[in-house]
Amino acid sequence: MTILTTYRQDSYLQIQKKACVVKSWSSLLKKAMESLRGNIHVSYIWHRKGESMNMSMRYSFELTNESDLYKLYETLGWNDFLGLSQNQLVTAMKQSFFVVYAYEDNKLVGMGRIVSDGVINAYLCGLSVLPEYRGQGIGTEISRRLIAHCKEHNLHIQLFCEEEMVPYYEKMGFGKFAVGLKM
């Protein structure tokens, strides 16, 4: 397990609380899709390596259906290790410092959360995207929103990840700084 942290000082875009339609990822970022205090619905066409996909994605700070969260953890195999009930998972989300959920229409396709004392440290954890939705920038967008929220509160951001995920997080500005241990 590797611990990563970010020391990037750049600011993240604050986006208006309204829907916007764009035709590329760069346009999407330039329009700065939302402020961190509201929900947003984004409709766009994703272009990647000559492919395009119509997608309607909504990022929210509210879990609309508790069973969707449990289903996400089950689908990813995370609950094989955790062994938590639906109520326990929902409680974990409610007790988190900040949570972002990604929906396509009404389907929960990804999420991430911050566990923090709210003063010094913040830990990005539970970043997840359903396998069929990976590679479309959803996890990156969830991470950006979580990181921006932490930076607004001047928190030191850290995360634990599997070794094969290190390059993914390094692209976001995280760097190795310690070795993680667990019991």
C-alpha atoms as a PDB file:
ATOM      1  CA  MET A   1       0.000   0.000   0.000  1.00  0.00           C
ATOM      2  CA  THR A   2       1.263   3.461  -0.860  1.00  0.00           C
ATOM      3  CA  ILE A   3       0.399   6.758   0.784  1.00  0.00           C
ATOM      4  CA  LEU A   4       0.159   9.717  -1.565  1.00  0.00           C
ATOM      5  CA  THR A   5      -0.331  13.375  -0.855  1.00  0.00           C
ATOM      6  CA  THR A   6      -0.674  16.483  -2.950  1.00  0.00           C
ATOM      7  CA  TYR A   7       1.281  19.683  -2.584  1.00  0.00           C
ATOM      8  CA  ARG A   8      -0.185  21.361  -5.640  1.00  0.00           C
ATOM      9  CA  GLN A   9      -1.029  24.940  -4.911  1.00  0.00           C
ATOM     10  CA  ASP A  10      -3.039  25.617  -8.055  1.00  0.00           C
ATOM     11  CA  SER A  11      -6.644  26.521  -7.614  1.00  0.00           C
ATOM     12  CA  TYR A  12      -9.463  24.433  -8.960  1.00  0.00           C
ATOM     13  CA  LEU A  13     -12.224  25.922 -11.038  1.00  0.00           C
ATOM     14  CA  GLN A  14     -15.377  27.093  -9.338  1.00  0.00           C
ATOM     15  CA  ILE A  15     -18.292  26.421 -11.635  1.00  0.00           C
ATOM     16  CA  GLN A  16     -21.710  28.012 -11.870  1.00  0.00           C
ATOM     17  CA  LYS A  17     -24.758  26.155 -10.545  1.00  0.00           C
ATOM     18  CA  LYS A  18     -26.303  25.494 -13.916  1.00  0.00           C
ATOM     19  CA  ALA A  19     -26.273  22.836 -16.566  1.00  0.00           C
ATOM     20  CA  CYS A  20     -24.032  23.336 -19.553  1.00  0.00           C
ATOM     21  CA  VAL A  21     -23.571  21.464 -22.775  1.00  0.00           C
ATOM     22  CA  VAL A  22     -20.068  21.084 -24.182  1.00  0.00           C
ATOM     23  CA  LYS A  23     -18.513  19.002 -26.931  1.00  0.00           C
ATOM     24  CA  SER A  24     -15.124  18.151 -25.413  1.00  0.00           C
ATOM     25  CA  TRP A  25     -13.486  17.556 -22.077  1.00  0.00           C
ATOM     26  CA  SER A  26     -11.422  20.729 -22.364  1.00  0.00           C
ATOM     27  CA  SER A  27     -14.582  22.754 -22.973  1.00  0.00           C
ATOM     28  CA  LEU A  28     -16.153  21.050 -19.998  1.00  0.00           C
ATOM     29  CA  LEU A  29     -13.303  22.106 -17.726  1.00  0.00           C
ATOM     30  CA  LYS A  30     -13.152  25.617 -19.161  1.00  0.00           C
ATOM     31  CA  LYS A  31     -16.798  26.183 -18.365  1.00  0.00           C
ATOM     32  CA  ALA A  32     -16.018  25.304 -14.739  1.00  0.00           C
ATOM     33  CA  MET A  33     -19.076  23.173 -14.164  1.00  0.00           C
ATOM     34  CA  GLU A  34     -20.058  23.933 -10.584  1.00  0.00           C
ATOM     35  CA  SER A  35     -19.477  25.522  -7.286  1.00  0.00           C
ATOM     36  CA  LEU A  36     -18.841  22.944  -4.604  1.00  0.00           C
ATOM     37  CA  ARG A  37     -22.053  23.845  -2.826  1.00  0.00           C
ATOM     38  CA  GLY A  38     -24.613  22.487  -5.283  1.00  0.00           C
ATOM     39  CA  ASN A  39     -25.527  19.769  -7.704  1.00  0.00           C
ATOM     40  CA  ILE A  40     -24.924  19.917 -11.408  1.00  0.00           C
ATOM     41  CA  HIS A  41     -26.109  18.003 -14.409  1.00  0.00           C
ATOM     42  CA  VAL A  42     -23.609  17.710 -17.228  1.00  0.00           C
ATOM     43  CA  SER A  43     -24.431  16.462 -20.694  1.00  0.00           C
ATOM     44  CA  TYR A  44     -21.495  16.025 -23.024  1.00  0.00           C
ATOM     45  CA  ILE A  45     -19.962  13.909 -25.735  1.00  0.00           C
ATOM     46  CA  TRP A  46     -16.701  12.353 -24.644  1.00  0.00           C
ATOM     47  CA  HIS A  47     -14.025  12.043 -27.350  1.00  0.00           C
ATOM     48  CA  ARG A  48     -11.191   9.631 -26.684  1.00  0.00           C
ATOM     49  CA  LYS A  49      -8.868   7.894 -29.130  1.00  0.00           C
ATOM     50  CA  GLY A  50     -11.227   8.376 -32.021  1.00  0.00           C
ATOM     51  CA  GLU A  51     -14.242   7.161 -30.061  1.00  0.00           C
ATOM     52  CA  SER A  52     -17.156   9.202 -28.881  1.00  0.00           C
ATOM     53  CA  MET A  53     -19.786   8.376 -26.348  1.00  0.00           C
ATOM     54  CA  ASN A  54     -22.950  10.225 -25.477  1.00  0.00           C
ATOM     55  CA  MET A  55     -23.160  10.582 -21.761  1.00  0.00           C
ATOM     56  CA  SER A  56     -25.333  12.379 -19.291  1.00  0.00           C
ATOM     57  CA  MET A  57     -23.547  12.670 -15.955  1.00  0.00           C
ATOM     58  CA  ARG A  58     -24.738  14.316 -12.760  1.00  0.00           C
ATOM     59  CA  TYR A  59     -22.462  14.949  -9.780  1.00  0.00           C
ATOM     60  CA  SER A  60     -24.181  15.311  -6.446  1.00  0.00           C
ATOM     61  CA  PHE A  61     -23.379  15.600  -2.768  1.00  0.00           C
ATOM     62  CA  GLU A  62     -26.451  13.601  -1.860  1.00  0.00           C
ATOM     63  CA  LEU A  63     -27.072   9.866  -2.077  1.00  0.00           C
ATOM     64  CA  THR A  64     -30.431   9.487  -3.779  1.00  0.00           C
ATOM     65  CA  ASN A  65     -30.921   5.772  -3.139  1.00  0.00           C
ATOM     66  CA  GLU A  66     -29.179   3.946  -0.287  1.00  0.00           C
ATOM     67  CA  SER A  67     -29.415   0.563  -1.976  1.00  0.00           C
ATOM     68  CA  ASP A  68     -27.407   1.943  -4.925  1.00  0.00           C
ATOM     69  CA  LEU A  69     -24.429   2.513  -2.634  1.00  0.00           C
ATOM     70  CA  TYR A  70     -24.581  -1.061  -1.374  1.00  0.00           C
ATOM     71  CA  LYS A  71     -24.920  -2.330  -4.951  1.00  0.00           C
ATOM     72  CA  LEU A  72     -21.845  -0.301  -6.012  1.00  0.00           C
ATOM     73  CA  TYR A  73     -19.713  -1.781  -3.219  1.00  0.00           C
ATOM     74  CA  GLU A  74     -20.989  -5.280  -4.028  1.00  0.00           C
ATOM     75  CA  THR A  75     -20.334  -4.903  -7.769  1.00  0.00           C
ATOM     76  CA  LEU A  76     -16.767  -3.727  -7.142  1.00  0.00           C
ATOM     77  CA  GLY A  77     -16.143  -6.592  -4.705  1.00  0.00           C
ATOM     78  CA  TRP A  78     -15.260  -4.157  -1.936  1.00  0.00           C
ATOM     79  CA  ASN A  79     -17.862  -5.575   0.401  1.00  0.00           C
ATOM     80  CA  ASP A  80     -16.265  -9.025   0.106  1.00  0.00           C
ATOM     81  CA  PHE A  81     -13.507  -7.563   2.290  1.00  0.00           C
ATOM     82  CA  LEU A  82     -15.530  -5.037   4.297  1.00  0.00           C
ATOM     83  CA  GLY A  83     -18.570  -7.189   4.998  1.00  0.00           C
ATOM     84  CA  LEU A  84     -20.762  -4.194   5.812  1.00  0.00           C
ATOM     85  CA  SER A  85     -24.526  -3.930   5.766  1.00  0.00           C
ATOM     86  CA  GLN A  86     -26.298  -1.307   3.701  1.00  0.00           C
ATOM     87  CA  ASN A  87     -26.982   0.693   6.863  1.00  0.00           C
ATOM     88  CA  GLN A  88     -23.316   0.604   7.875  1.00  0.00           C
ATOM     89  CA  LEU A  89     -22.209   1.843   4.440  1.00  0.00           C
ATOM     90  CA  VAL A  90     -24.745   4.658   4.520  1.00  0.00           C
ATOM     91  CA  THR A  91     -23.598   5.618   8.024  1.00  0.00           C
ATOM     92  CA  ALA A  92     -19.975   5.714   6.837  1.00  0.00           C
ATOM     93  CA  MET A  93     -20.950   8.112   4.045  1.00  0.00           C
ATOM     94  CA  LYS A  94     -22.998  10.317   6.368  1.00  0.00           C
ATOM     95  CA  GLN A  95     -20.093  10.541   8.829  1.00  0.00           C
ATOM     96  CA  SER A  96     -17.629  11.487   6.104  1.00  0.00           C
ATOM     97  CA  PHE A  97     -16.379  15.059   5.825  1.00  0.00           C
ATOM     98  CA  PHE A  98     -17.447  15.307   2.181  1.00  0.00           C
ATOM     99  CA  VAL A  99     -18.870  12.896  -0.420  1.00  0.00           C
ATOM    100  CA  VAL A 100     -19.362  13.198  -4.178  1.00  0.00           C
ATOM    101  CA  TYR A 101     -21.623  10.818  -6.092  1.00  0.00           C
ATOM    102  CA  ALA A 102     -21.686  10.450  -9.897  1.00  0.00           C
ATOM    103  CA  TYR A 103     -24.922   9.458 -11.602  1.00  0.00           C
ATOM    104  CA  GLU A 104     -25.770   8.636 -15.171  1.00  0.00           C
ATOM    105  CA  ASP A 105     -29.453   9.425 -15.270  1.00  0.00           C
ATOM    106  CA  ASN A 106     -30.509   7.901 -11.918  1.00  0.00           C
ATOM    107  CA  LYS A 107     -27.849   5.170 -11.820  1.00  0.00           C
ATOM    108  CA  LEU A 108     -25.008   5.561  -9.306  1.00  0.00           C
ATOM    109  CA  VAL A 109     -21.865   4.898 -11.361  1.00  0.00           C
ATOM    110  CA  GLY A 110     -19.176   6.240  -9.043  1.00  0.00           C
ATOM    111  CA  MET A 111     -18.378   8.010  -5.811  1.00  0.00           C
ATOM    112  CA  GLY A 112     -15.578   9.207  -3.593  1.00  0.00           C
ATOM    113  CA  ARG A 113     -15.338  10.648  -0.130  1.00  0.00           C
ATOM    114  CA  ILE A 114     -13.122  12.547   2.275  1.00  0.00           C
ATOM    115  CA  VAL A 115     -12.562  11.446   5.856  1.00  0.00           C
ATOM    116  CA  SER A 116     -11.189  14.343   7.866  1.00  0.00           C
ATOM    117  CA  ASP A 117     -10.868  16.056  11.212  1.00  0.00           C
ATOM    118  CA  GLY A 118     -11.818  19.228   9.343  1.00  0.00           C
ATOM    119  CA  VAL A 119      -8.775  21.101  10.628  1.00  0.00           C
ATOM    120  CA  ILE A 120      -5.503  19.429   9.613  1.00  0.00           C
ATOM    121  CA  ASN A 121      -5.734  16.223   7.596  1.00  0.00           C
ATOM    122  CA  ALA A 122      -8.065  14.878   4.934  1.00  0.00           C
ATOM    123  CA  TYR A 123      -7.984  11.386   3.465  1.00  0.00           C
ATOM    124  CA  LEU A 124      -9.413  10.743   0.038  1.00  0.00           C
ATOM    125  CA  CYS A 125     -10.936   7.285   0.087  1.00  0.00           C
ATOM    126  CA  GLY A 126     -13.565   5.123  -1.509  1.00  0.00           C
ATOM    127  CA  LEU A 127     -12.964   6.543  -4.986  1.00  0.00           C
ATOM    128  CA  SER A 128     -14.848   4.117  -7.168  1.00  0.00           C
ATOM    129  CA  VAL A 129     -16.300   3.945 -10.662  1.00  0.00           C
ATOM    130  CA  LEU A 130     -18.160   0.997 -12.145  1.00  0.00           C
ATOM    131  CA  PRO A 131     -15.885  -0.894 -14.577  1.00  0.00           C
ATOM    132  CA  GLU A 132     -18.005  -0.097 -17.637  1.00  0.00           C
ATOM    133  CA  TYR A 133     -17.712   3.644 -16.883  1.00  0.00           C
ATOM    134  CA  ARG A 134     -13.951   3.798 -16.289  1.00  0.00           C
ATOM    135  CA  GLY A 135     -11.657   5.741 -18.593  1.00  0.00           C
ATOM    136  CA  GLN A 136     -14.235   8.502 -19.128  1.00  0.00           C
ATOM    137  CA  GLY A 137     -12.948  11.044 -16.607  1.00  0.00           C
ATOM    138  CA  ILE A 138     -15.568  10.316 -13.959  1.00  0.00           C
ATOM    139  CA  GLY A 139     -13.089   9.320 -11.240  1.00  0.00           C
ATOM    140  CA  THR A 140     -10.903  12.288 -12.113  1.00  0.00           C
ATOM    141  CA  GLU A 141     -13.850  14.674 -11.841  1.00  0.00           C
ATOM    142  CA  ILE A 142     -14.925  13.197  -8.507  1.00  0.00           C
ATOM    143  CA  SER A 143     -11.335  13.581  -7.260  1.00  0.00           C
ATOM    144  CA  ARG A 144     -11.120  17.194  -8.444  1.00  0.00           C
ATOM    145  CA  ARG A 145     -14.259  18.077  -6.527  1.00  0.00           C
ATOM    146  CA  LEU A 146     -13.041  16.340  -3.367  1.00  0.00           C
ATOM    147  CA  ILE A 147      -9.601  17.977  -3.590  1.00  0.00           C
ATOM    148  CA  ALA A 148     -11.071  21.427  -4.226  1.00  0.00           C
ATOM    149  CA  HIS A 149     -13.305  21.089  -1.170  1.00  0.00           C
ATOM    150  CA  CYS A 150     -10.311  20.140   0.984  1.00  0.00           C
ATOM    151  CA  LYS A 151      -8.265  23.043  -0.353  1.00  0.00           C
ATOM    152  CA  GLU A 152     -11.087  25.428   0.539  1.00  0.00           C
ATOM    153  CA  HIS A 153     -10.623  24.238   4.134  1.00  0.00           C
ATOM    154  CA  ASN A 154      -6.776  24.318   3.967  1.00  0.00           C
ATOM    155  CA  LEU A 155      -6.512  20.598   4.705  1.00  0.00           C
ATOM    156  CA  HIS A 156      -3.492  18.405   3.985  1.00  0.00           C
ATOM    157  CA  ILE A 157      -4.766  15.811   1.507  1.00  0.00           C
ATOM    158  CA  GLN A 158      -3.550  12.225   1.595  1.00  0.00           C
ATOM    159  CA  LEU A 159      -4.703   8.891   0.274  1.00  0.00           C
ATOM    160  CA  PHE A 160      -3.873   5.217   0.341  1.00  0.00           C
ATOM    161  CA  CYS A 161      -4.006   3.243  -2.874  1.00  0.00           C
ATOM    162  CA  GLU A 162      -2.884   0.041  -4.468  1.00  0.00           C
ATOM    163  CA  GLU A 163       0.500   0.235  -6.184  1.00  0.00           C
ATOM    164  CA  GLU A 164      -0.968  -0.039  -9.702  1.00  0.00           C
ATOM    165  CA  MET A 165      -3.078   3.097  -9.057  1.00  0.00           C
ATOM    166  CA  VAL A 166      -0.097   5.326  -8.206  1.00  0.00           C
ATOM    167  CA  PRO A 167       0.350   6.659 -11.792  1.00  0.00           C
ATOM    168  CA  TYR A 168      -3.353   7.601 -11.921  1.00  0.00           C
ATOM    169  CA  TYR A 169      -3.060   9.717  -8.772  1.00  0.00           C
ATOM    170  CA  GLU A 170       0.326  11.149  -9.719  1.00  0.00           C
ATOM    171  CA  LYS A 171      -1.345  12.678 -12.795  1.00  0.00           C
ATOM    172  CA  MET A 172      -3.522  14.618 -10.347  1.00  0.00           C
ATOM    173  CA  GLY A 173      -0.496  16.003  -8.508  1.00  0.00           C
ATOM    174  CA  PHE A 174      -0.137  13.437  -5.728  1.00  0.00           C
ATOM    175  CA  GLY A 175       3.318  12.099  -4.898  1.00  0.00           C
ATOM    176  CA  LYS A 176       4.641   9.307  -2.709  1.00  0.00           C
ATOM    177  CA  PHE A 177       5.728  10.482   0.708  1.00  0.00           C
ATOM    178  CA  ALA A 178       5.517   7.539   3.113  1.00  0.00           C
ATOM    179  CA  VAL A 179       4.904   3.836   3.412  1.00  0.00           C
ATOM    180  CA  GLY A 180       1.495   2.741   4.642  1.00  0.00           C
ATOM    181  CA  LEU A 181       0.952  -0.045   7.129  1.00  0.00           C
ATOM    182  CA  LYS A 182      -2.211  -1.776   8.291  1.00  0.00           C
ATOM    183  CA  MET A 183      -3.249  -4.219  11.009  1.00  0.00           C
END
